[in-house]
Amino acid sequence: MPCWRNFVLFGFIGLLLISLCLPASGQVRAQAVCFTLVDRQSHSLSGVVNSYFPGVASAASGTNQISLGPGRGSGQSIQVGDLLLVIQMQDGLFDSSNNVAYGSGGSSGSGYTDASNVGRYEYIVADSAVSFAGGGTLTLRGEGAGQGLLNTYSHSDGELAHGQQRFQVVRVAAYLDIILSGNLTASPWNGATGGVVAVEAVNMLDFSSSSINVTGQGFRGGSTRKLDGDGALSFEDYRTQSLLQANGAKGEGMVGAPRYVYFNGDLVDTSPPAGTDGYPEGSRARGAPGNAGGGGTDGNPLTNHENSGGGGGGNGGSGGQGGYSAYSSLDTGGRGGAAFAEAEPGRLVLGGGGGSGVTDDGTGAPSGGLASSGAAGGGVVLLRAGTISQSGGVLPAQSISADGANAGRILHDGAGGGGAGGAVVIVVDIPDLMADLTISARGGNGGSSWPRVEDQAGNRHGPGGGGGGGTVFVNTNLYHTDVSGGSNGTTTRSRVAYGAAPGAAGVLVTGVTSSAIPGVPPGFDCYSPTAVSLVELSAKSVEDSAYKILIGLLASTLLLGVIWLFFQRRFPNAAM
């Protein structure tokens, strides 16, 4: 056989092997669910870009349907093929004993006994449309059994055994290319939805000198009012009922919400079911449930005038304790919220809200005691992209901010605790340009009390504790990341801490891969941005490992052809 025919034969064999291994155009990777990406334009985004739908009934793992209430946020309905995020916002159990066992059951007066499924989340794909205005039943495809949910998501109101359980479904802003034309933010958490920015850029996300900011968008601070005292209570209490006339309010957190929270500059009644008080057995006093800060317990509840400070919220780090009671200097300040020990790339919570200080005079602005409220924690940012760039020059100092809010300064009353930092997860396929990205998930500062008077015993009132730092999970090393805890407040001109403590530093983890993110894979694992046709984006045909095998087969086949060609020329009379 002529040499050229042998070479052609081996080349044909190589091409045949490749054609057998390569799937048809448009086929997604094996055993993966991918969302639909038919919009191939660059999109300019700013403001609130996500729609939030509350779960209205529990959904078990493996199910393909979720019942949703009306949406909130960007106003976009869910369409078939949309990428969605399901996340359990509140869940878990804690000890409600009226002593130091409150919270964890130990001796700290804070924490939880069981995290249950709080913070678990996953990406899914919509298989049915859901109206923004009316809600409805969502049919879905996921990575769980039978292409259903991986996790179980719980919904219930607070009971005597546990606080409220809440989860939400977030419509992800998913496009081929995204350019930020202004700062992105979330609708703040309102007890049912919000607090999350979820963005997916298959090819490129261009910050263009803008930022993503969810500072103070997380769990809400406890809100108090001017109270005149209650003789039935003790300065040793760790939990008391909200309708009684003493003590500060606990913050909101992972295990539920108190009766009264501070939201948009006002006191909000969360309207718990009849016979309950938001948190089991009471929403006031110094015990800190979960990652929420405790409210101050007054040193003399009969008159409610020995005001102590509220505790800071927790997340990656624990919140700081609130300051001592006025006049009596008792250690009755709100305990700091606990750190969320289960935090990982696939499990995130909002920053815990700070507890409120005790107020009998209602000083500060806003009036009526609201100035002593605790501050809100930071929100959550989930970002997956092919690459990140910035066309508008140097990135701003707060490119991504999920800080806890600061508590306010007041006069002769107890001050509130700072909110904890939130959570940030970033996975980028080509992370080279991320070195200049600034990420902040700091705890908020505790409030200060009577800062302009001389330092003497009768002028010291309880400052607020600092919020704990948040959690940051990224897939590369960053030079500008801050998860520090917030500073405690002080009292008088001498800036005395008076028992108030700063929040602890949070958690920073690098080297996170896309496989650590539960559910539907990121767009850069599903689609090839360079293979855009006039009709659709073709899906990646195989995993990277399969490509390596194909290249090896082709190289081996061609090498055999070259060897055979050499042999034929060197020994032309050799038998076939």
Protein backbone atom coordinates (compact mmCIF):
# COMPACT_ATOMS: atom_id res chain seq x y z
CA MET A 1 0.00 0.00 0.00
CA PRO A 2 1.41 3.43 -0.88
CA CYS A 3 2.73 5.43 2.06
CA TRP A 4 0.34 8.31 1.63
CA ARG A 5 -2.57 5.91 1.80
CA ASN A 6 -1.30 4.54 5.13
CA PHE A 7 -1.01 8.02 6.53
CA VAL A 8 -4.54 8.85 5.40
CA LEU A 9 -5.77 5.61 6.95
CA PHE A 10 -4.29 6.45 10.36
CA GLY A 11 -5.61 9.99 10.15
CA PHE A 12 -9.08 8.65 9.41
CA ILE A 13 -8.86 6.32 12.40
CA GLY A 14 -7.90 9.27 14.63
CA LEU A 15 -10.82 11.37 13.41
CA LEU A 16 -13.17 8.44 13.91
CA LEU A 17 -12.03 8.06 17.52
CA ILE A 18 -12.63 11.75 18.16
CA SER A 19 -16.08 11.69 16.57
CA LEU A 20 -17.06 8.73 18.73
CA CYS A 21 -15.94 10.45 21.92
CA LEU A 22 -17.35 13.88 21.20
CA PRO A 23 -21.10 14.31 21.83
CA ALA A 24 -23.36 16.18 19.46
CA SER A 25 -23.25 19.99 19.35
CA GLY A 26 -25.28 21.55 22.15
CA GLN A 27 -25.03 18.54 24.47
CA VAL A 28 -24.32 19.49 28.10
CA ARG A 29 -21.73 17.77 30.24
CA ALA A 30 -22.71 14.35 31.56
CA GLN A 31 -24.88 14.20 34.67
CA ALA A 32 -25.18 17.99 34.95
CA VAL A 33 -28.19 20.29 34.89
CA CYS A 34 -27.55 23.60 33.13
CA PHE A 35 -29.68 26.71 32.93
CA THR A 36 -30.77 28.26 29.64
CA LEU A 37 -28.66 31.13 28.34
CA VAL A 38 -30.12 32.50 25.11
CA ASP A 39 -29.43 36.19 25.79
CA ARG A 40 -26.03 36.88 24.19
CA GLN A 41 -25.90 40.67 24.75
CA SER A 42 -23.79 42.58 27.25
CA HIS A 43 -26.03 43.84 30.03
CA SER A 44 -25.54 46.97 32.11
CA LEU A 45 -26.77 46.38 35.66
CA SER A 46 -27.27 48.60 38.69
CA GLY A 47 -29.44 48.76 41.79
CA VAL A 48 -31.48 45.70 42.81
CA VAL A 49 -31.06 43.02 40.12
CA ASN A 50 -32.60 39.99 41.86
CA SER A 51 -36.21 39.00 42.43
CA TYR A 52 -37.00 37.31 45.76
CA PHE A 53 -39.85 34.83 46.28
CA PRO A 54 -40.70 33.56 49.79
CA GLY A 55 -41.28 29.88 50.35
CA VAL A 56 -44.77 29.42 51.80
CA ALA A 57 -44.58 25.67 52.57
CA SER A 58 -41.74 23.31 53.39
CA ALA A 59 -40.07 21.43 50.52
CA ALA A 60 -38.33 18.08 51.02
CA SER A 61 -35.11 17.00 49.36
CA GLY A 62 -35.76 15.28 46.03
CA THR A 63 -38.94 17.22 45.34
CA ASN A 64 -39.37 19.00 42.00
CA GLN A 65 -41.87 21.62 43.18
CA ILE A 66 -41.83 24.57 45.58
CA SER A 67 -44.78 26.77 46.60
CA LEU A 68 -43.86 30.45 46.43
CA GLY A 69 -45.45 33.71 47.50
CA PRO A 70 -45.44 36.98 45.51
CA GLY A 71 -42.05 38.40 44.57
CA ARG A 72 -40.07 41.35 45.85
CA GLY A 73 -37.08 43.16 44.42
CA SER A 74 -36.30 43.73 40.73
CA GLY A 75 -39.84 42.98 39.51
CA GLN A 76 -38.82 40.16 37.13
CA SER A 77 -40.95 37.02 37.03
CA ILE A 78 -39.42 33.55 36.84
CA GLN A 79 -39.21 32.16 33.30
CA VAL A 80 -38.55 28.60 32.13
CA GLY A 81 -34.78 27.99 32.03
CA ASP A 82 -33.91 30.70 34.59
CA LEU A 83 -31.10 30.08 37.04
CA LEU A 84 -32.43 30.27 40.62
CA LEU A 85 -31.02 30.08 44.13
CA VAL A 86 -32.82 28.37 47.04
CA ILE A 87 -31.51 29.26 50.51
CA GLN A 88 -32.65 28.46 54.07
CA MET A 89 -32.50 31.82 55.85
CA GLN A 90 -33.66 30.85 59.37
CA ASP A 91 -33.77 27.51 61.14
CA GLY A 92 -32.29 25.76 64.16
CA LEU A 93 -32.83 25.30 67.90
CA PHE A 94 -31.52 26.94 71.06
CA ASP A 95 -31.90 26.57 74.82
CA SER A 96 -34.42 29.10 76.17
CA SER A 97 -33.58 28.61 79.87
CA ASN A 98 -33.67 31.80 81.93
CA ASN A 99 -30.03 31.49 83.06
CA VAL A 100 -26.50 31.16 81.67
CA ALA A 101 -27.55 28.01 79.77
CA TYR A 102 -29.54 30.25 77.41
CA GLY A 103 -28.51 29.66 73.81
CA SER A 104 -26.01 26.83 73.64
CA GLY A 105 -26.95 25.11 76.90
CA GLY A 106 -23.50 25.93 78.30
CA SER A 107 -22.37 28.88 80.39
CA SER A 108 -22.09 31.72 77.87
CA GLY A 109 -25.73 32.82 77.73
CA SER A 110 -25.55 32.73 73.91
CA GLY A 111 -25.56 30.44 70.90
CA TYR A 112 -27.59 27.47 69.67
CA THR A 113 -27.93 23.74 70.21
CA ASP A 114 -28.71 22.63 66.64
CA ALA A 115 -28.10 24.53 63.40
CA SER A 116 -30.53 22.22 61.51
CA ASN A 117 -30.48 23.30 57.84
CA VAL A 118 -29.95 27.04 58.28
CA GLY A 119 -27.63 28.49 55.66
CA ARG A 120 -27.87 25.57 53.24
CA TYR A 121 -28.44 26.61 49.66
CA GLU A 122 -28.29 25.34 46.10
CA TYR A 123 -28.63 26.51 42.50
CA ILE A 124 -31.56 25.12 40.51
CA VAL A 125 -33.20 25.66 37.09
CA ALA A 126 -36.81 26.74 36.61
CA ASP A 127 -38.96 24.30 34.63
CA SER A 128 -42.06 26.49 34.93
CA ALA A 129 -42.87 30.19 35.04
CA VAL A 130 -43.88 31.95 38.27
CA SER A 131 -45.50 35.39 38.29
CA PHE A 132 -43.71 38.12 40.24
CA ALA A 133 -47.02 39.64 41.31
CA GLY A 134 -48.83 36.48 42.31
CA GLY A 135 -46.28 33.79 43.09
CA GLY A 136 -47.33 30.19 42.51
CA THR A 137 -45.92 26.69 42.18
CA LEU A 138 -42.40 26.42 40.80
CA THR A 139 -41.42 23.24 38.97
CA LEU A 140 -37.65 22.81 39.00
CA ARG A 141 -34.65 20.78 37.93
CA GLY A 142 -31.83 20.34 40.40
CA GLU A 143 -28.87 18.15 41.26
CA GLY A 144 -30.73 16.10 43.89
CA ALA A 145 -32.38 12.72 43.52
CA GLY A 146 -34.58 12.57 40.41
CA GLN A 147 -33.26 16.03 39.41
CA GLY A 148 -34.98 17.44 42.46
CA LEU A 149 -33.70 19.44 45.44
CA LEU A 150 -30.50 18.48 47.22
CA ASN A 151 -31.66 19.85 50.58
CA THR A 152 -34.83 20.08 52.62
CA TYR A 153 -36.16 23.62 53.13
CA SER A 154 -38.45 24.43 56.08
CA HIS A 155 -41.13 27.07 56.52
CA SER A 156 -43.05 27.68 59.75
CA ASP A 157 -43.91 30.44 62.19
CA GLY A 158 -42.30 30.66 65.60
CA GLU A 159 -43.51 28.19 68.21
CA LEU A 160 -42.80 27.50 71.85
CA ALA A 161 -40.11 25.04 70.72
CA HIS A 162 -38.34 27.14 68.08
CA GLY A 163 -38.26 30.47 66.30
CA GLN A 164 -39.57 31.07 62.79
CA GLN A 165 -38.19 29.02 59.88
CA ARG A 166 -37.86 30.84 56.56
CA PHE A 167 -36.41 30.12 53.12
CA GLN A 168 -36.54 31.99 49.82
CA VAL A 169 -35.99 31.47 46.10
CA VAL A 170 -33.86 34.11 44.37
CA ARG A 171 -33.91 34.72 40.62
CA VAL A 172 -30.22 35.03 39.71
CA ALA A 173 -29.05 37.82 37.37
CA ALA A 174 -27.40 35.52 34.79
CA TYR A 175 -26.00 36.81 31.48
CA LEU A 176 -23.12 36.20 29.09
CA ASP A 177 -21.41 39.53 29.90
CA ILE A 178 -22.25 42.01 32.65
CA ILE A 179 -21.11 45.61 33.00
CA LEU A 180 -21.94 47.45 36.21
CA SER A 181 -23.34 50.87 35.34
CA GLY A 182 -23.89 51.64 39.03
CA ASN A 183 -23.68 49.96 42.41
CA LEU A 184 -25.52 46.67 42.90
CA THR A 185 -27.43 46.07 46.12
CA ALA A 186 -30.16 43.88 47.58
CA SER A 187 -33.62 44.52 48.88
CA PRO A 188 -32.88 44.40 52.62
CA TRP A 189 -33.96 41.31 54.54
CA ASN A 190 -37.50 41.91 55.84
CA GLY A 191 -38.15 38.66 57.69
CA ALA A 192 -39.21 36.74 54.59
CA THR A 193 -37.06 37.72 51.60
CA GLY A 194 -34.09 39.82 50.51
CA GLY A 195 -30.57 40.38 51.77
CA VAL A 196 -28.90 38.50 48.87
CA VAL A 197 -27.13 39.60 45.68
CA ALA A 198 -26.67 36.65 43.29
CA VAL A 199 -24.95 37.34 39.95
CA GLU A 200 -23.75 34.99 37.21
CA ALA A 201 -21.55 36.16 34.30
CA VAL A 202 -20.72 33.26 31.99
CA ASN A 203 -17.98 35.21 30.24
CA MET A 204 -17.04 38.46 32.00
CA LEU A 205 -18.14 40.72 34.83
CA ASP A 206 -16.86 44.27 34.39
CA PHE A 207 -17.05 46.32 37.60
CA SER A 208 -16.41 49.54 35.65
CA SER A 209 -15.61 51.49 38.84
CA SER A 210 -18.86 50.41 40.50
CA SER A 211 -19.37 48.14 43.50
CA ILE A 212 -21.63 45.55 45.08
CA ASN A 213 -22.90 46.70 48.47
CA VAL A 214 -25.09 44.77 50.92
CA THR A 215 -23.95 46.57 54.09
CA GLY A 216 -26.72 46.45 56.70
CA GLN A 217 -28.97 44.35 54.43
CA GLY A 218 -28.93 41.28 56.72
CA PHE A 219 -30.71 40.27 59.91
CA ARG A 220 -32.33 43.23 61.65
CA GLY A 221 -31.38 44.73 64.98
CA GLY A 222 -33.62 44.51 68.03
CA SER A 223 -35.87 47.55 68.53
CA THR A 224 -36.90 48.91 71.87
CA ARG A 225 -39.09 51.71 73.21
CA LYS A 226 -39.00 54.03 76.15
CA LEU A 227 -40.06 51.76 79.02
CA ASP A 228 -40.96 52.69 82.62
CA GLY A 229 -40.13 49.49 84.49
CA ASP A 230 -41.70 46.26 85.73
CA GLY A 231 -41.47 44.94 89.28
CA ALA A 232 -42.01 41.32 88.25
CA LEU A 233 -38.57 41.07 86.62
CA SER A 234 -35.02 40.53 87.88
CA PHE A 235 -31.65 41.91 86.81
CA GLU A 236 -30.57 38.25 86.49
CA ASP A 237 -33.02 37.51 83.63
CA TYR A 238 -31.79 36.17 80.30
CA ARG A 239 -35.16 36.30 78.56
CA THR A 240 -38.33 38.26 79.28
CA GLN A 241 -41.55 38.92 77.39
CA SER A 242 -41.72 41.84 74.96
CA LEU A 243 -44.95 43.27 76.41
CA LEU A 244 -43.38 43.75 79.84
CA GLN A 245 -41.99 47.21 80.57
CA ALA A 246 -38.25 46.63 80.98
CA ASN A 247 -35.04 45.52 79.23
CA GLY A 248 -33.73 45.73 75.67
CA ALA A 249 -34.79 43.66 72.67
CA LYS A 250 -32.79 40.77 71.24
CA GLY A 251 -31.61 41.07 67.64
CA GLU A 252 -32.79 38.92 64.73
CA GLY A 253 -30.71 36.00 63.58
CA MET A 254 -30.39 32.51 62.17
CA VAL A 255 -32.76 30.89 64.71
CA GLY A 256 -35.62 33.36 64.36
CA ALA A 257 -36.84 36.89 64.98
CA PRO A 258 -37.84 38.83 68.12
CA ARG A 259 -41.23 40.50 68.54
CA TYR A 260 -39.84 43.95 67.70
CA VAL A 261 -37.11 44.76 65.19
CA TYR A 262 -35.58 47.99 63.91
CA PHE A 263 -36.17 48.34 60.14
CA ASN A 264 -35.98 51.37 57.86
CA GLY A 265 -35.72 53.74 60.83
CA ASP A 266 -38.79 52.47 62.64
CA LEU A 267 -40.01 49.85 65.08
CA VAL A 268 -41.62 46.89 63.33
CA ASP A 269 -43.86 44.37 65.05
CA THR A 270 -43.09 41.00 63.44
CA SER A 271 -46.59 39.84 64.49
CA PRO A 272 -45.76 36.39 65.84
CA PRO A 273 -48.60 33.89 66.29
CA ALA A 274 -50.89 34.35 69.29
CA GLY A 275 -49.40 32.97 72.47
CA THR A 276 -45.80 33.35 71.30
CA ASP A 277 -43.30 36.19 71.48
CA GLY A 278 -41.14 35.69 68.41
CA TYR A 279 -38.38 33.87 70.24
CA PRO A 280 -39.50 31.05 72.54
CA GLU A 281 -40.35 32.37 76.02
CA GLY A 282 -39.39 35.96 75.33
CA SER A 283 -37.67 38.43 73.04
CA ARG A 284 -36.04 40.76 75.57
CA ALA A 285 -33.06 40.65 77.98
CA ARG A 286 -29.44 39.62 77.67
CA GLY A 287 -29.57 36.05 76.35
CA ALA A 288 -28.32 35.87 72.74
CA PRO A 289 -30.18 33.34 70.52
CA GLY A 290 -28.07 31.88 67.71
CA ASN A 291 -25.98 34.57 66.01
CA ALA A 292 -28.23 37.44 67.17
CA GLY A 293 -27.06 39.86 69.85
CA GLY A 294 -28.86 39.87 73.20
CA GLY A 295 -30.70 42.92 74.50
CA GLY A 296 -29.55 44.62 77.66
CA THR A 297 -31.03 43.53 81.00
CA ASP A 298 -31.64 46.55 83.21
CA GLY A 299 -29.81 46.69 86.53
CA ASN A 300 -33.09 47.65 88.25
CA PRO A 301 -36.06 46.42 86.17
CA LEU A 302 -38.50 47.94 88.66
CA THR A 303 -37.68 51.41 87.28
CA ASN A 304 -35.76 50.40 84.12
CA HIS A 305 -33.33 53.28 84.66
CA GLU A 306 -30.04 51.39 85.20
CA ASN A 307 -29.46 51.04 81.49
CA SER A 308 -27.07 48.45 80.02
CA GLY A 309 -25.94 48.03 76.41
CA GLY A 310 -26.95 45.58 73.70
CA GLY A 311 -24.73 42.77 72.41
CA GLY A 312 -23.26 42.70 68.89
CA GLY A 313 -24.42 40.21 66.26
CA GLY A 314 -22.29 37.25 65.17
CA ASN A 315 -21.39 35.39 61.97
CA GLY A 316 -17.83 34.33 61.10
CA GLY A 317 -16.81 35.78 64.47
CA SER A 318 -18.83 36.20 67.63
CA GLY A 319 -20.34 39.53 68.65
CA GLY A 320 -19.07 41.58 71.57
CA GLN A 321 -20.94 41.89 74.85
CA GLY A 322 -22.87 45.04 75.72
CA GLY A 323 -21.76 47.38 78.52
CA TYR A 324 -22.64 47.32 82.22
CA SER A 325 -25.73 48.78 83.82
CA ALA A 326 -25.75 52.46 84.78
CA TYR A 327 -25.12 53.40 88.44
CA SER A 328 -24.94 49.78 89.68
CA SER A 329 -22.22 48.60 87.22
CA LEU A 330 -23.74 45.13 87.00
CA ASP A 331 -22.67 42.74 84.24
CA THR A 332 -26.12 42.68 82.63
CA GLY A 333 -25.31 43.84 79.11
CA GLY A 334 -26.58 41.87 76.15
CA ARG A 335 -24.46 38.84 75.30
CA GLY A 336 -22.84 38.82 71.87
CA GLY A 337 -24.28 36.63 69.14
CA ALA A 338 -22.44 33.35 68.54
CA ALA A 339 -20.19 32.63 65.58
CA PHE A 340 -21.78 30.39 62.95
CA ALA A 341 -19.53 27.34 63.33
CA GLU A 342 -20.96 25.50 60.30
CA ALA A 343 -19.99 28.24 57.82
CA GLU A 344 -18.49 26.93 54.55
CA PRO A 345 -18.69 27.82 50.83
CA GLY A 346 -21.94 25.86 50.52
CA ARG A 347 -23.50 27.15 53.73
CA LEU A 348 -23.99 30.85 54.53
CA VAL A 349 -26.01 33.04 56.87
CA LEU A 350 -26.75 36.74 57.02
CA GLY A 351 -24.90 38.78 59.63
CA GLY A 352 -26.68 38.65 62.99
CA GLY A 353 -28.53 41.77 64.16
CA GLY A 354 -27.35 43.60 67.28
CA GLY A 355 -29.42 43.66 70.45
CA SER A 356 -30.82 46.94 71.72
CA GLY A 357 -29.74 48.81 74.80
CA VAL A 358 -32.12 49.57 77.66
CA THR A 359 -33.85 52.97 77.55
CA ASP A 360 -36.07 54.78 80.02
CA ASP A 361 -35.53 58.35 78.77
CA GLY A 362 -35.80 57.72 75.02
CA THR A 363 -32.84 59.97 74.15
CA GLY A 364 -31.24 60.27 70.74
CA ALA A 365 -32.64 60.33 67.24
CA PRO A 366 -34.95 58.81 66.25
CA SER A 367 -36.79 59.54 69.47
CA GLY A 368 -38.93 57.38 71.76
CA GLY A 369 -36.14 54.91 72.48
CA LEU A 370 -35.51 53.86 68.87
CA ALA A 371 -32.00 55.34 68.95
CA SER A 372 -31.01 52.57 71.40
CA SER A 373 -31.88 49.86 68.85
CA GLY A 374 -29.37 47.33 67.61
CA ALA A 375 -27.91 47.58 64.10
CA ALA A 376 -28.54 45.25 61.17
CA GLY A 377 -26.04 42.66 59.97
CA GLY A 378 -24.51 42.43 56.50
CA GLY A 379 -26.10 40.63 53.56
CA VAL A 380 -24.89 37.82 51.30
CA VAL A 381 -23.11 38.13 47.92
CA LEU A 382 -22.86 35.10 45.62
CA LEU A 383 -20.83 35.73 42.47
CA ARG A 384 -19.79 33.28 39.75
CA ALA A 385 -18.06 34.52 36.58
CA GLY A 386 -15.78 33.47 33.77
CA THR A 387 -13.50 36.38 34.62
CA ILE A 388 -13.63 39.75 36.38
CA SER A 389 -12.36 43.00 34.91
CA GLN A 390 -12.61 46.73 35.50
CA SER A 391 -12.68 49.07 32.50
CA GLY A 392 -13.16 52.28 34.47
CA GLY A 393 -9.74 52.50 36.09
CA VAL A 394 -8.81 51.48 39.61
CA LEU A 395 -11.47 49.55 41.48
CA PRO A 396 -13.13 51.52 44.30
CA ALA A 397 -12.08 50.94 47.90
CA GLN A 398 -15.26 48.94 48.63
CA SER A 399 -15.70 46.82 45.50
CA ILE A 400 -17.75 44.27 47.42
CA SER A 401 -19.04 45.27 50.84
CA ALA A 402 -21.09 43.06 53.17
CA ASP A 403 -20.40 44.93 56.40
CA GLY A 404 -22.62 45.03 59.43
CA ALA A 405 -24.19 48.41 60.21
CA ASN A 406 -23.05 50.64 63.07
CA ALA A 407 -25.30 51.30 66.05
CA GLY A 408 -26.19 54.90 66.89
CA ARG A 409 -24.83 57.32 69.50
CA ILE A 410 -27.22 58.38 72.23
CA LEU A 411 -27.31 60.30 75.52
CA HIS A 412 -28.25 58.91 78.96
CA ASP A 413 -29.58 55.50 77.90
CA GLY A 414 -28.06 52.14 76.94
CA ALA A 415 -26.74 51.86 73.37
CA GLY A 416 -27.35 49.13 70.79
CA GLY A 417 -24.96 46.46 69.52
CA GLY A 418 -23.37 46.51 66.06
CA GLY A 419 -24.50 44.20 63.27
CA ALA A 420 -22.25 41.33 62.21
CA GLY A 421 -20.54 41.16 58.83
CA GLY A 422 -22.33 39.18 56.13
CA ALA A 423 -21.06 36.51 53.72
CA VAL A 424 -19.32 36.64 50.32
CA VAL A 425 -18.64 33.73 47.94
CA ILE A 426 -16.77 34.31 44.66
CA VAL A 427 -15.80 31.64 42.15
CA VAL A 428 -14.14 32.83 38.94
CA ASP A 429 -12.96 30.55 36.12
CA ILE A 430 -9.99 32.81 35.27
CA PRO A 431 -9.17 34.66 38.51
CA ASP A 432 -6.04 36.51 37.33
CA LEU A 433 -7.68 39.95 37.49
CA MET A 434 -9.11 39.47 41.00
CA ALA A 435 -5.97 40.62 42.83
CA ASP A 436 -7.18 44.23 42.89
CA LEU A 437 -10.66 43.35 44.09
CA THR A 438 -11.53 44.64 47.57
CA ILE A 439 -13.88 42.57 49.73
CA SER A 440 -15.16 43.72 53.10
CA ALA A 441 -17.35 41.80 55.55
CA ARG A 442 -16.58 43.72 58.74
CA GLY A 443 -18.62 43.82 61.89
CA GLY A 444 -20.41 47.08 62.68
CA ASN A 445 -19.45 49.25 65.63
CA GLY A 446 -21.41 49.23 68.86
CA GLY A 447 -23.22 52.42 69.87
CA SER A 448 -21.77 54.92 72.35
CA SER A 449 -23.66 56.47 75.24
CA TRP A 450 -23.41 59.99 76.70
CA PRO A 451 -20.10 60.68 74.91
CA ARG A 452 -19.82 64.37 75.85
CA VAL A 453 -20.11 64.37 79.64
CA GLU A 454 -17.44 64.10 82.28
CA ASP A 455 -16.38 60.63 83.29
CA GLN A 456 -17.98 59.92 86.64
CA ALA A 457 -19.92 56.94 87.92
CA GLY A 458 -23.36 58.49 87.58
CA ASN A 459 -22.75 59.38 83.91
CA ARG A 460 -21.65 55.99 82.67
CA HIS A 461 -24.34 54.10 80.73
CA GLY A 462 -23.93 50.82 78.91
CA PRO A 463 -22.34 51.08 75.43
CA GLY A 464 -23.08 48.51 72.72
CA GLY A 465 -20.89 45.56 71.78
CA GLY A 466 -19.21 45.35 68.38
CA GLY A 467 -20.50 43.06 65.65
CA GLY A 468 -18.48 39.99 64.68
CA GLY A 469 -16.71 39.77 61.33
CA GLY A 470 -18.35 37.96 58.44
CA THR A 471 -17.30 35.09 56.16
CA VAL A 472 -15.50 35.32 52.79
CA PHE A 473 -14.88 32.33 50.49
CA VAL A 474 -12.93 32.90 47.24
CA ASN A 475 -10.92 30.81 44.79
CA THR A 476 -7.78 32.96 44.77
CA ASN A 477 -5.62 34.97 47.13
CA LEU A 478 -6.74 38.57 47.57
CA TYR A 479 -4.70 41.43 48.95
CA HIS A 480 -7.62 43.59 50.07
CA THR A 481 -9.95 41.52 52.26
CA ASP A 482 -11.27 42.66 55.64
CA VAL A 483 -13.31 40.44 57.99
CA SER A 484 -12.44 42.30 61.18
CA GLY A 485 -14.83 42.61 64.08
CA GLY A 486 -16.50 45.91 64.90
CA SER A 487 -15.36 48.17 67.73
CA ASN A 488 -17.33 48.36 70.95
CA GLY A 489 -19.00 51.61 71.89
CA THR A 490 -17.81 53.76 74.78
CA THR A 491 -19.28 56.12 77.34
CA THR A 492 -18.33 59.62 78.60
CA ARG A 493 -15.55 61.87 77.29
CA SER A 494 -12.97 59.40 78.53
CA ARG A 495 -14.34 56.83 76.11
CA VAL A 496 -14.69 54.13 78.73
CA ALA A 497 -15.66 50.68 77.41
CA TYR A 498 -17.54 50.05 80.68
CA GLY A 499 -17.83 46.33 80.03
CA ALA A 500 -18.57 46.56 76.30
CA ALA A 501 -16.41 44.33 74.07
CA PRO A 502 -15.45 44.40 70.37
CA GLY A 503 -16.61 41.75 67.93
CA ALA A 504 -14.28 38.88 66.98
CA ALA A 505 -12.68 38.61 63.54
CA GLY A 506 -14.49 36.58 60.90
CA VAL A 507 -13.43 33.86 58.47
CA LEU A 508 -11.48 34.11 55.18
CA VAL A 509 -10.96 30.97 53.05
CA THR A 510 -9.17 30.86 49.68
CA GLY A 511 -8.81 28.08 47.14
CA VAL A 512 -12.55 27.50 46.82
CA THR A 513 -13.56 25.66 43.63
CA SER A 514 -16.85 25.60 41.75
CA SER A 515 -17.41 22.02 42.94
CA ALA A 516 -17.84 23.37 46.48
CA ILE A 517 -20.94 25.31 45.40
CA PRO A 518 -24.02 23.05 45.63
CA GLY A 519 -26.48 22.56 42.80
CA VAL A 520 -26.43 23.55 39.14
CA PRO A 521 -22.87 24.29 37.95
CA PRO A 522 -21.73 27.78 36.96
CA GLY A 523 -22.23 29.03 33.44
CA PHE A 524 -18.55 28.73 32.55
CA ASP A 525 -18.84 25.00 33.25
CA CYS A 526 -21.95 24.70 31.07
CA TYR A 527 -21.38 27.03 28.12
CA SER A 528 -18.63 28.09 25.77
CA PRO A 529 -18.79 31.89 25.33
CA THR A 530 -16.70 31.70 22.12
CA ALA A 531 -19.08 29.27 20.42
CA VAL A 532 -21.99 31.68 19.98
CA SER A 533 -24.21 31.02 16.98
CA LEU A 534 -27.06 33.14 15.69
CA VAL A 535 -29.51 30.96 17.55
CA GLU A 536 -27.98 29.84 20.82
CA LEU A 537 -24.88 29.31 22.89
CA SER A 538 -23.64 25.77 22.43
CA ALA A 539 -23.01 23.82 25.60
CA LYS A 540 -19.61 22.50 26.48
CA SER A 541 -19.44 18.98 25.11
CA VAL A 542 -17.24 17.34 27.70
CA GLU A 543 -15.30 17.97 30.88
CA ASP A 544 -11.71 19.22 30.65
CA SER A 545 -10.46 15.72 31.47
CA ALA A 546 -12.25 14.33 28.41
CA TYR A 547 -10.58 16.91 26.18
CA LYS A 548 -7.20 15.74 27.47
CA ILE A 549 -8.09 12.16 26.56
CA LEU A 550 -9.12 13.21 23.02
CA ILE A 551 -5.94 15.17 22.49
CA GLY A 552 -3.95 12.15 23.65
CA LEU A 553 -5.80 9.86 21.23
CA LEU A 554 -5.24 12.20 18.29
CA ALA A 555 -1.55 12.67 19.11
CA SER A 556 -1.02 8.92 19.51
CA THR A 557 -2.75 8.16 16.19
CA LEU A 558 -0.72 10.73 14.27
CA LEU A 559 2.49 9.47 15.90
CA LEU A 560 1.73 5.93 14.78
CA GLY A 561 1.13 7.24 11.29
CA VAL A 562 4.49 9.00 11.23
CA ILE A 563 6.26 5.86 12.51
CA TRP A 564 4.56 3.71 9.91
CA LEU A 565 5.44 6.18 7.16
CA PHE A 566 9.10 6.15 8.26
CA PHE A 567 9.08 2.33 8.33
CA GLN A 568 7.64 2.11 4.82
CA ARG A 569 10.26 4.49 3.44
CA ARG A 570 13.12 2.81 5.30
CA PHE A 571 12.07 -0.72 4.36
CA PRO A 572 10.03 -0.39 1.16
CA ASN A 573 10.07 -4.13 0.45
CA ALA A 574 8.92 -5.22 3.90
CA ALA A 575 5.71 -7.27 4.01
CA MET A 576 2.54 -5.61 5.21
